[in-house]
């Protein structure tokens, strides 16, 4: 007897824009145990945008402090909108080791889902946020499937009722308790 193949869950892609190569390495090492996520690292936000034609990530993680060579955070805020426009279903999370309420507020206004304050060399908060987002997206997907399935069931039920009504109006279906009378001759 042939065994059915084990279904391996598809890896969810996470795009990380971080120009600091040392920090990229730290992030890679801290998340290496997460085998159901595929982390794609980009040094530049524009490179990440260009790659979106080939990938459909679950989330973009953007380091606000490393968006361009001038470390201009306003450039990063503008990129949030570009990411959201190019990949509408993908969430944008900003991470930084600097606690700055103005940056956090501006990031949220520009469409980021959250501003994650991380400690240097510690990316646990980033992982928690990814796990939470993955759970939310999975639930949304399940809800869409349920609604779609309910739509099909309702459509079949309406079609069945419509068919019964037509058969009754044509005289092909008669009332009565006798099973021989249910379908007219």
N, C-alpha and C. Protein backbone atom coordinates (compact mmCIF):
# COMPACT_ATOMS: atom_id res chain seq x y z
N UNK A 1 0.84 -1.17 0.00
CA UNK A 1 0.00 0.00 0.00
C UNK A 1 0.89 1.24 0.00
N UNK A 2 0.56 2.16 -0.87
CA UNK A 2 1.36 3.37 -1.03
C UNK A 2 0.92 4.43 -0.02
N UNK A 3 1.89 5.01 0.65
CA UNK A 3 1.59 6.05 1.62
C UNK A 3 1.37 7.38 0.90
N UNK A 4 0.42 8.14 1.41
CA UNK A 4 0.21 9.46 0.82
C UNK A 4 1.35 10.38 1.30
N UNK A 5 1.78 11.27 0.41
CA UNK A 5 2.90 12.13 0.79
C UNK A 5 2.50 13.09 1.91
N UNK A 6 3.47 13.39 2.74
CA UNK A 6 3.26 14.33 3.84
C UNK A 6 3.25 15.73 3.24
N UNK A 7 2.22 16.49 3.58
CA UNK A 7 2.13 17.85 3.07
C UNK A 7 2.99 18.78 3.94
N UNK A 8 3.97 19.36 3.31
CA UNK A 8 4.86 20.29 4.01
C UNK A 8 4.29 21.69 3.84
N UNK A 9 4.06 22.39 4.93
CA UNK A 9 3.49 23.73 4.80
C UNK A 9 4.42 24.66 4.02
N UNK A 10 3.80 25.50 3.24
CA UNK A 10 4.54 26.46 2.43
C UNK A 10 5.16 27.51 3.34
N UNK A 11 6.42 27.84 3.08
CA UNK A 11 7.09 28.86 3.89
C UNK A 11 6.49 30.22 3.58
N UNK A 12 6.30 31.01 4.62
CA UNK A 12 5.80 32.36 4.46
C UNK A 12 7.00 33.29 4.35
N UNK A 13 6.95 34.16 3.37
CA UNK A 13 8.08 35.04 3.11
C UNK A 13 8.00 36.31 3.95
N UNK A 14 9.14 36.69 4.48
CA UNK A 14 9.29 37.92 5.25
C UNK A 14 10.42 38.71 4.62
N UNK A 15 10.10 39.90 4.11
CA UNK A 15 11.12 40.76 3.52
C UNK A 15 11.65 41.71 4.59
N UNK A 16 12.95 41.72 4.76
CA UNK A 16 13.58 42.60 5.74
C UNK A 16 14.51 43.56 5.02
N UNK A 17 14.23 44.86 5.18
CA UNK A 17 15.08 45.88 4.59
C UNK A 17 15.97 46.42 5.70
N UNK A 18 17.24 46.10 5.58
CA UNK A 18 18.23 46.48 6.59
C UNK A 18 19.56 46.65 5.88
N UNK A 19 20.08 47.87 5.86
CA UNK A 19 21.33 48.12 5.14
C UNK A 19 22.57 47.76 5.94
N UNK A 20 22.45 47.63 7.24
CA UNK A 20 23.58 47.29 8.10
C UNK A 20 23.81 45.77 8.02
N UNK A 21 24.89 45.36 7.37
CA UNK A 21 25.16 43.94 7.16
C UNK A 21 25.39 43.19 8.47
N UNK A 22 25.97 43.83 9.44
CA UNK A 22 26.18 43.18 10.75
C UNK A 22 24.83 42.90 11.40
N UNK A 23 23.92 43.86 11.29
CA UNK A 23 22.59 43.65 11.87
C UNK A 23 21.83 42.58 11.09
N UNK A 24 21.99 42.56 9.78
CA UNK A 24 21.36 41.49 8.99
C UNK A 24 21.79 40.13 9.50
N UNK A 25 23.10 40.00 9.75
CA UNK A 25 23.63 38.73 10.24
C UNK A 25 23.03 38.38 11.61
N UNK A 26 22.93 39.37 12.49
CA UNK A 26 22.32 39.13 13.81
C UNK A 26 20.88 38.65 13.67
N UNK A 27 20.13 39.31 12.80
CA UNK A 27 18.73 38.93 12.61
C UNK A 27 18.65 37.51 12.05
N UNK A 28 19.47 37.20 11.06
CA UNK A 28 19.48 35.85 10.47
C UNK A 28 19.75 34.80 11.54
N UNK A 29 20.74 35.06 12.39
CA UNK A 29 21.08 34.10 13.44
C UNK A 29 19.95 33.96 14.46
N UNK A 30 19.28 35.06 14.77
CA UNK A 30 18.24 35.00 15.80
C UNK A 30 16.97 34.33 15.30
N UNK A 31 16.74 34.31 14.01
CA UNK A 31 15.51 33.71 13.47
C UNK A 31 15.77 32.40 12.72
N UNK A 32 16.98 31.92 12.77
CA UNK A 32 17.34 30.72 11.99
C UNK A 32 16.53 29.49 12.39
N UNK A 33 16.02 29.43 13.60
CA UNK A 33 15.23 28.29 14.05
C UNK A 33 13.81 28.31 13.49
N UNK A 34 13.40 29.41 12.89
CA UNK A 34 12.05 29.54 12.34
C UNK A 34 12.04 28.97 10.92
N UNK A 35 11.70 27.70 10.79
CA UNK A 35 11.78 27.04 9.49
C UNK A 35 10.57 27.26 8.61
N UNK A 36 9.46 27.74 9.16
CA UNK A 36 8.28 27.95 8.32
C UNK A 36 8.22 29.37 7.75
N UNK A 37 9.21 30.17 8.04
CA UNK A 37 9.34 31.50 7.45
C UNK A 37 10.59 31.51 6.58
N UNK A 38 10.50 32.17 5.45
CA UNK A 38 11.67 32.39 4.61
C UNK A 38 11.99 33.89 4.67
N UNK A 39 13.16 34.20 5.20
CA UNK A 39 13.56 35.59 5.37
C UNK A 39 14.38 36.02 4.16
N UNK A 40 13.94 37.09 3.53
CA UNK A 40 14.62 37.66 2.37
C UNK A 40 15.16 39.02 2.78
N UNK A 41 16.46 39.18 2.71
CA UNK A 41 17.10 40.41 3.17
C UNK A 41 17.45 41.30 1.99
N UNK A 42 17.21 42.59 2.18
CA UNK A 42 17.52 43.59 1.17
C UNK A 42 18.28 44.73 1.83
N UNK A 43 19.30 45.21 1.14
CA UNK A 43 20.07 46.34 1.64
C UNK A 43 19.37 47.66 1.37
N UNK A 44 18.51 47.65 0.36
CA UNK A 44 17.88 48.88 -0.09
C UNK A 44 16.38 48.64 -0.32
N UNK A 45 15.56 49.58 0.08
CA UNK A 45 14.11 49.45 -0.05
C UNK A 45 13.68 49.34 -1.51
N UNK A 46 14.37 50.05 -2.40
CA UNK A 46 14.01 49.98 -3.82
C UNK A 46 14.30 48.60 -4.41
N UNK A 47 15.35 47.95 -3.95
CA UNK A 47 15.64 46.58 -4.40
C UNK A 47 14.51 45.65 -3.97
N UNK A 48 14.01 45.85 -2.78
CA UNK A 48 12.91 45.04 -2.28
C UNK A 48 11.65 45.28 -3.12
N UNK A 49 11.36 46.54 -3.41
CA UNK A 49 10.20 46.86 -4.25
C UNK A 49 10.29 46.19 -5.61
N UNK A 50 11.47 46.20 -6.19
CA UNK A 50 11.68 45.58 -7.51
C UNK A 50 11.45 44.06 -7.46
N UNK A 51 11.77 43.45 -6.35
CA UNK A 51 11.65 42.00 -6.22
C UNK A 51 10.19 41.55 -6.01
N UNK A 52 9.30 42.47 -5.74
CA UNK A 52 7.92 42.09 -5.42
C UNK A 52 7.16 41.49 -6.59
N UNK A 53 7.67 41.65 -7.80
CA UNK A 53 7.04 41.01 -8.94
C UNK A 53 7.18 39.50 -8.88
N UNK A 54 8.16 39.00 -8.13
CA UNK A 54 8.45 37.57 -8.06
C UNK A 54 8.03 36.93 -6.74
N UNK A 55 7.79 37.73 -5.72
CA UNK A 55 7.47 37.18 -4.40
C UNK A 55 6.21 37.83 -3.85
N UNK A 56 5.56 37.13 -2.94
CA UNK A 56 4.38 37.66 -2.26
C UNK A 56 4.60 37.47 -0.76
N UNK A 57 5.22 38.45 -0.11
CA UNK A 57 5.57 38.25 1.30
C UNK A 57 4.37 38.42 2.23
N UNK A 58 4.49 37.82 3.39
CA UNK A 58 3.51 38.00 4.46
C UNK A 58 3.65 39.39 5.05
N UNK A 59 4.90 39.85 5.15
CA UNK A 59 5.16 41.12 5.82
C UNK A 59 6.48 41.72 5.33
N UNK A 60 6.53 43.05 5.40
CA UNK A 60 7.77 43.79 5.19
C UNK A 60 8.23 44.28 6.56
N UNK A 61 9.47 44.03 6.91
CA UNK A 61 10.08 44.57 8.12
C UNK A 61 11.12 45.58 7.67
N UNK A 62 10.92 46.81 8.06
CA UNK A 62 11.79 47.88 7.58
C UNK A 62 12.47 48.57 8.74
N UNK A 63 13.78 48.67 8.67
CA UNK A 63 14.53 49.40 9.69
C UNK A 63 14.51 50.87 9.29
N UNK A 64 13.82 51.65 10.06
CA UNK A 64 13.63 53.06 9.74
C UNK A 64 14.95 53.82 9.68
N UNK A 65 15.93 53.41 10.45
CA UNK A 65 17.19 54.15 10.51
C UNK A 65 18.11 53.87 9.33
N UNK A 66 17.79 52.88 8.55
CA UNK A 66 18.73 52.50 7.48
C UNK A 66 18.06 52.49 6.12
N UNK A 67 17.21 53.47 5.87
CA UNK A 67 16.53 53.50 4.59
C UNK A 67 17.39 54.05 3.46
N UNK A 68 18.23 54.99 3.73
CA UNK A 68 19.09 55.49 2.67
C UNK A 68 20.44 55.87 3.27
N UNK A 69 21.33 56.24 2.40
CA UNK A 69 22.70 56.49 2.86
C UNK A 69 22.79 57.69 3.80
N UNK A 70 21.80 58.58 3.79
CA UNK A 70 21.81 59.74 4.68
C UNK A 70 21.09 59.47 5.99
N UNK A 71 20.59 58.24 6.16
CA UNK A 71 19.82 57.86 7.36
C UNK A 71 18.66 58.83 7.59
N UNK A 72 17.99 59.17 6.50
CA UNK A 72 16.87 60.10 6.55
C UNK A 72 15.58 59.31 6.75
N UNK A 73 15.00 59.43 7.94
CA UNK A 73 13.79 58.65 8.25
C UNK A 73 12.60 59.08 7.39
N UNK A 74 12.56 60.30 6.89
CA UNK A 74 11.43 60.73 6.06
C UNK A 74 11.39 59.91 4.77
N UNK A 75 12.54 59.51 4.29
CA UNK A 75 12.60 58.63 3.13
C UNK A 75 11.89 57.31 3.44
N UNK A 76 12.11 56.81 4.63
CA UNK A 76 11.48 55.56 5.06
C UNK A 76 9.98 55.67 5.13
N UNK A 77 9.46 56.79 5.62
CA UNK A 77 8.02 56.97 5.70
C UNK A 77 7.39 56.92 4.31
N UNK A 78 8.03 57.54 3.36
CA UNK A 78 7.53 57.51 1.98
C UNK A 78 7.53 56.11 1.39
N UNK A 79 8.51 55.32 1.80
CA UNK A 79 8.61 53.95 1.28
C UNK A 79 7.47 53.07 1.81
N UNK A 80 6.95 53.36 2.98
CA UNK A 80 5.84 52.57 3.52
C UNK A 80 4.68 52.58 2.53
N UNK A 81 4.32 53.76 2.05
CA UNK A 81 3.24 53.88 1.08
C UNK A 81 3.52 53.15 -0.22
N UNK A 82 4.76 53.19 -0.65
CA UNK A 82 5.12 52.49 -1.89
C UNK A 82 4.97 50.97 -1.72
N UNK A 83 5.38 50.46 -0.56
CA UNK A 83 5.22 49.03 -0.30
C UNK A 83 3.75 48.65 -0.26
N UNK A 84 2.95 49.45 0.44
CA UNK A 84 1.52 49.15 0.56
C UNK A 84 0.83 49.22 -0.81
N UNK A 85 1.26 50.15 -1.64
CA UNK A 85 0.66 50.30 -2.96
C UNK A 85 1.00 49.12 -3.86
N UNK A 86 2.22 48.66 -3.78
CA UNK A 86 2.67 47.57 -4.65
C UNK A 86 2.16 46.21 -4.19
N UNK A 87 2.00 46.02 -2.90
CA UNK A 87 1.56 44.73 -2.36
C UNK A 87 0.51 45.00 -1.27
N UNK A 88 -0.73 45.21 -1.70
CA UNK A 88 -1.81 45.66 -0.81
C UNK A 88 -2.10 44.72 0.36
N UNK A 89 -1.93 43.41 0.18
CA UNK A 89 -2.24 42.44 1.23
C UNK A 89 -1.11 42.27 2.24
N UNK A 90 0.06 42.80 1.93
CA UNK A 90 1.22 42.62 2.78
C UNK A 90 1.31 43.75 3.80
N UNK A 91 1.53 43.39 5.04
CA UNK A 91 1.65 44.40 6.11
C UNK A 91 3.08 44.93 6.18
N UNK A 92 3.20 46.15 6.66
CA UNK A 92 4.50 46.78 6.84
C UNK A 92 4.71 47.01 8.33
N UNK A 93 5.83 46.51 8.84
CA UNK A 93 6.22 46.74 10.23
C UNK A 93 7.54 47.51 10.22
N UNK A 94 7.58 48.54 11.02
CA UNK A 94 8.81 49.33 11.16
C UNK A 94 9.50 48.86 12.44
N UNK A 95 10.81 48.68 12.38
CA UNK A 95 11.54 48.38 13.60
C UNK A 95 12.69 49.35 13.77
N UNK A 96 13.00 49.61 15.02
CA UNK A 96 14.07 50.55 15.33
C UNK A 96 14.54 50.28 16.75
N UNK A 97 15.78 50.64 17.02
CA UNK A 97 16.27 50.54 18.39
C UNK A 97 16.15 51.89 19.10
N UNK A 98 15.60 52.88 18.39
CA UNK A 98 15.42 54.21 18.97
C UNK A 98 13.96 54.40 19.32
N UNK A 99 13.71 54.71 20.58
CA UNK A 99 12.34 55.00 21.01
C UNK A 99 12.03 56.44 20.64
N UNK A 100 11.15 56.59 19.66
CA UNK A 100 10.83 57.92 19.18
C UNK A 100 9.33 57.94 18.85
N UNK A 101 8.56 58.59 19.71
CA UNK A 101 7.10 58.62 19.53
C UNK A 101 6.70 59.29 18.23
N UNK A 102 7.44 60.30 17.82
CA UNK A 102 7.12 61.00 16.57
C UNK A 102 7.33 60.07 15.38
N UNK A 103 8.40 59.31 15.39
CA UNK A 103 8.64 58.35 14.31
C UNK A 103 7.54 57.28 14.29
N UNK A 104 7.21 56.78 15.47
CA UNK A 104 6.18 55.74 15.55
C UNK A 104 4.85 56.27 15.03
N UNK A 105 4.47 57.46 15.44
CA UNK A 105 3.23 58.06 14.99
C UNK A 105 3.24 58.27 13.48
N UNK A 106 4.34 58.79 12.96
CA UNK A 106 4.45 59.04 11.52
C UNK A 106 4.40 57.72 10.74
N UNK A 107 5.04 56.68 11.25
CA UNK A 107 5.02 55.39 10.57
C UNK A 107 3.60 54.85 10.48
N UNK A 108 2.85 54.95 11.56
CA UNK A 108 1.46 54.47 11.56
C UNK A 108 0.60 55.31 10.62
N UNK A 109 0.81 56.60 10.59
CA UNK A 109 0.05 57.47 9.69
C UNK A 109 0.33 57.14 8.23
N UNK A 110 1.53 56.71 7.94
CA UNK A 110 1.90 56.38 6.56
C UNK A 110 1.49 54.96 6.17
N UNK A 111 0.88 54.20 7.08
CA UNK A 111 0.34 52.89 6.72
C UNK A 111 1.02 51.70 7.34
N UNK A 112 2.02 51.91 8.19
CA UNK A 112 2.65 50.78 8.86
C UNK A 112 1.68 50.19 9.89
N UNK A 113 1.73 48.89 10.07
CA UNK A 113 0.87 48.23 11.04
C UNK A 113 1.37 48.47 12.47
N UNK A 114 2.69 48.52 12.63
CA UNK A 114 3.24 48.71 13.97
C UNK A 114 4.66 49.24 13.88
N UNK A 115 5.10 49.81 14.99
CA UNK A 115 6.46 50.30 15.16
C UNK A 115 7.05 49.47 16.29
N UNK A 116 8.00 48.63 15.97
CA UNK A 116 8.57 47.71 16.95
C UNK A 116 9.86 48.29 17.49
N UNK A 117 9.87 48.48 18.77
CA UNK A 117 11.09 48.95 19.44
C UNK A 117 11.88 47.71 19.83
N UNK A 118 13.08 47.58 19.28
CA UNK A 118 13.91 46.41 19.58
C UNK A 118 15.15 46.85 20.34
N UNK A 119 15.68 45.92 21.08
CA UNK A 119 16.96 46.14 21.73
C UNK A 119 18.05 45.68 20.77
N UNK A 120 19.15 46.39 20.72
CA UNK A 120 20.22 45.92 19.84
C UNK A 120 20.60 44.48 20.18
N UNK A 121 20.76 43.68 19.18
CA UNK A 121 21.18 42.28 19.31
C UNK A 121 20.11 41.40 19.98
N UNK A 122 18.88 41.86 20.02
CA UNK A 122 17.81 41.06 20.60
C UNK A 122 16.56 41.28 19.75
N UNK A 123 16.11 40.23 19.09
CA UNK A 123 15.04 40.37 18.12
C UNK A 123 13.80 39.57 18.50
N UNK A 124 13.63 39.31 19.78
CA UNK A 124 12.50 38.54 20.27
C UNK A 124 11.19 39.26 19.97
N UNK A 125 11.14 40.56 20.17
CA UNK A 125 9.92 41.32 19.90
C UNK A 125 9.52 41.22 18.44
N UNK A 126 10.51 41.19 17.57
CA UNK A 126 10.24 41.06 16.14
C UNK A 126 9.59 39.70 15.86
N UNK A 127 10.10 38.67 16.47
CA UNK A 127 9.54 37.32 16.29
C UNK A 127 8.11 37.24 16.80
N UNK A 128 7.86 37.81 17.98
CA UNK A 128 6.50 37.81 18.53
C UNK A 128 5.53 38.51 17.59
N UNK A 129 5.97 39.62 17.05
CA UNK A 129 5.12 40.38 16.13
C UNK A 129 4.83 39.56 14.87
N UNK A 130 5.84 38.88 14.36
CA UNK A 130 5.64 38.04 13.18
C UNK A 130 4.68 36.89 13.48
N UNK A 131 4.81 36.27 14.64
CA UNK A 131 3.91 35.17 15.01
C UNK A 131 2.48 35.68 15.13
N UNK A 132 2.32 36.84 15.75
CA UNK A 132 0.98 37.41 15.88
C UNK A 132 0.38 37.71 14.51
N UNK A 133 1.17 38.34 13.64
CA UNK A 133 0.69 38.69 12.31
C UNK A 133 0.34 37.45 11.49
N UNK A 134 1.16 36.43 11.62
CA UNK A 134 0.89 35.17 10.92
C UNK A 134 -0.44 34.57 11.37
N UNK A 135 -0.70 34.60 12.67
CA UNK A 135 -1.96 34.09 13.21
C UNK A 135 -3.14 34.89 12.66
N UNK A 136 -3.02 36.20 12.65
CA UNK A 136 -4.10 37.05 12.14
C UNK A 136 -4.36 36.77 10.66
N UNK A 137 -3.30 36.68 9.87
CA UNK A 137 -3.45 36.42 8.43
C UNK A 137 -4.06 35.05 8.19
N UNK A 138 -3.64 34.04 8.96
CA UNK A 138 -4.21 32.70 8.82
C UNK A 138 -5.71 32.72 9.13
N UNK A 139 -6.09 33.43 10.17
CA UNK A 139 -7.52 33.54 10.53
C UNK A 139 -8.29 34.25 9.43
N UNK A 140 -7.72 35.29 8.87
CA UNK A 140 -8.39 36.00 7.78
C UNK A 140 -8.59 35.08 6.59
N UNK A 141 -7.58 34.28 6.29
CA UNK A 141 -7.68 33.33 5.18
C UNK A 141 -8.77 32.30 5.45
N UNK A 142 -8.82 31.78 6.69
CA UNK A 142 -9.85 30.81 7.05
C UNK A 142 -11.24 31.44 6.98
N UNK A 143 -11.36 32.69 7.41
CA UNK A 143 -12.65 33.39 7.34
C UNK A 143 -13.10 33.55 5.89
N UNK A 144 -12.17 33.90 5.00
CA UNK A 144 -12.51 34.05 3.58
C UNK A 144 -12.98 32.72 3.00
N UNK A 145 -12.30 31.62 3.36
CA UNK A 145 -12.71 30.30 2.88
C UNK A 145 -14.10 29.95 3.39
N UNK A 146 -14.36 30.22 4.66
CA UNK A 146 -15.66 29.92 5.25
C UNK A 146 -16.76 30.71 4.55
N UNK A 147 -16.54 32.00 4.35
CA UNK A 147 -17.53 32.84 3.68
C UNK A 147 -17.76 32.36 2.26
N UNK A 148 -16.70 31.99 1.56
CA UNK A 148 -16.83 31.47 0.20
C UNK A 148 -17.64 30.18 0.19
N UNK A 149 -17.33 29.27 1.12
CA UNK A 149 -18.07 28.00 1.19
C UNK A 149 -19.54 28.24 1.54
N UNK A 150 -19.81 29.16 2.44
CA UNK A 150 -21.19 29.47 2.80
C UNK A 150 -21.94 30.05 1.60
N UNK A 151 -21.26 30.85 0.82
CA UNK A 151 -21.87 31.41 -0.40
C UNK A 151 -22.27 30.31 -1.37
N UNK A 152 -21.41 29.31 -1.50
CA UNK A 152 -21.71 28.18 -2.39
C UNK A 152 -22.91 27.40 -1.87
N UNK A 153 -22.94 27.13 -0.56
CA UNK A 153 -24.05 26.39 0.03
C UNK A 153 -25.36 27.16 -0.16
N UNK A 154 -25.33 28.45 0.08
CA UNK A 154 -26.55 29.26 -0.07
C UNK A 154 -26.99 29.28 -1.53
N UNK A 155 -26.04 29.41 -2.45
CA UNK A 155 -26.38 29.40 -3.87
C UNK A 155 -27.02 28.08 -4.28
N UNK A 156 -26.48 26.96 -3.78
CA UNK A 156 -27.06 25.65 -4.09
C UNK A 156 -28.46 25.51 -3.50
N UNK A 157 -28.65 26.01 -2.30
CA UNK A 157 -29.95 25.96 -1.65
C UNK A 157 -30.98 26.80 -2.42
N UNK A 158 -30.60 27.99 -2.84
CA UNK A 158 -31.49 28.84 -3.62
C UNK A 158 -31.81 28.17 -4.96
N UNK A 159 -30.82 27.57 -5.60
CA UNK A 159 -31.06 26.87 -6.87
C UNK A 159 -32.01 25.70 -6.67
N UNK A 160 -31.85 24.96 -5.57
CA UNK A 160 -32.74 23.83 -5.28
C UNK A 160 -34.17 24.31 -5.08
N UNK A 161 -34.34 25.36 -4.30
CA UNK A 161 -35.68 25.92 -4.06
C UNK A 161 -36.29 26.43 -5.36
N UNK A 162 -35.48 27.09 -6.16
CA UNK A 162 -35.94 27.58 -7.46
C UNK A 162 -36.39 26.43 -8.35
N UNK A 163 -35.62 25.36 -8.37
CA UNK A 163 -35.93 24.19 -9.18
C UNK A 163 -37.23 23.55 -8.72
N UNK A 164 -37.42 23.42 -7.42
CA UNK A 164 -38.65 22.84 -6.87
C UNK A 164 -39.85 23.71 -7.27
N UNK A 165 -39.67 25.04 -7.17
CA UNK A 165 -40.75 25.96 -7.54
C UNK A 165 -41.12 25.81 -9.01
N UNK A 166 -40.15 25.74 -9.88
CA UNK A 166 -40.39 25.58 -11.32
C UNK A 166 -41.10 24.26 -11.60
N UNK A 167 -40.61 23.18 -10.99
CA UNK A 167 -41.24 21.87 -11.19
C UNK A 167 -42.69 21.89 -10.70
N UNK A 168 -42.95 22.56 -9.59
CA UNK A 168 -44.31 22.64 -9.05
C UNK A 168 -45.20 23.44 -9.99
N UNK A 169 -44.69 24.58 -10.49
CA UNK A 169 -45.48 25.42 -11.38
C UNK A 169 -45.77 24.73 -12.72
N UNK A 170 -44.87 23.88 -13.17
CA UNK A 170 -45.07 23.15 -14.42
C UNK A 170 -45.99 21.95 -14.23
N UNK A 171 -46.32 21.66 -13.00
CA UNK A 171 -47.20 20.53 -12.73
C UNK A 171 -46.46 19.21 -12.66
N UNK A 172 -45.15 19.26 -12.67
CA UNK A 172 -44.37 18.03 -12.61
C UNK A 172 -44.16 17.56 -11.18
N UNK A 173 -44.48 18.41 -10.24
CA UNK A 173 -44.35 18.06 -8.84
C UNK A 173 -45.68 18.35 -8.18
N UNK A 174 -46.25 17.35 -7.51
CA UNK A 174 -47.57 17.50 -6.92
C UNK A 174 -47.49 17.33 -5.41
N UNK A 175 -48.45 17.94 -4.73
CA UNK A 175 -48.52 17.80 -3.28
C UNK A 175 -49.17 16.48 -2.92
N UNK A 176 -48.84 16.01 -1.74
CA UNK A 176 -49.48 14.80 -1.25
C UNK A 176 -48.54 13.99 -0.41
N UNK A 177 -49.10 13.03 0.30
CA UNK A 177 -48.32 12.16 1.16
C UNK A 177 -47.89 10.90 0.44
N UNK A 178 -48.55 10.57 -0.61
CA UNK A 178 -48.26 9.35 -1.34
C UNK A 178 -47.00 9.56 -2.19
N UNK A 179 -46.03 8.68 -2.03
CA UNK A 179 -44.75 8.86 -2.75
C UNK A 179 -44.93 8.72 -4.25
N UNK A 180 -45.97 8.02 -4.70
CA UNK A 180 -46.18 7.92 -6.14
C UNK A 180 -46.66 9.23 -6.73
N UNK A 181 -47.23 10.09 -5.91
CA UNK A 181 -47.76 11.35 -6.41
C UNK A 181 -46.72 12.48 -6.40
N UNK A 182 -45.56 12.21 -5.84
CA UNK A 182 -44.56 13.29 -5.74
C UNK A 182 -44.05 13.74 -7.09
N UNK A 183 -43.87 12.82 -8.00
CA UNK A 183 -43.45 13.21 -9.34
C UNK A 183 -44.58 12.80 -10.28
N UNK A 184 -45.17 13.79 -10.93
CA UNK A 184 -46.33 13.55 -11.78
C UNK A 184 -45.97 12.81 -13.05
N UNK A 185 -46.97 12.14 -13.60
CA UNK A 185 -46.76 11.39 -14.84
C UNK A 185 -47.28 12.15 -16.02
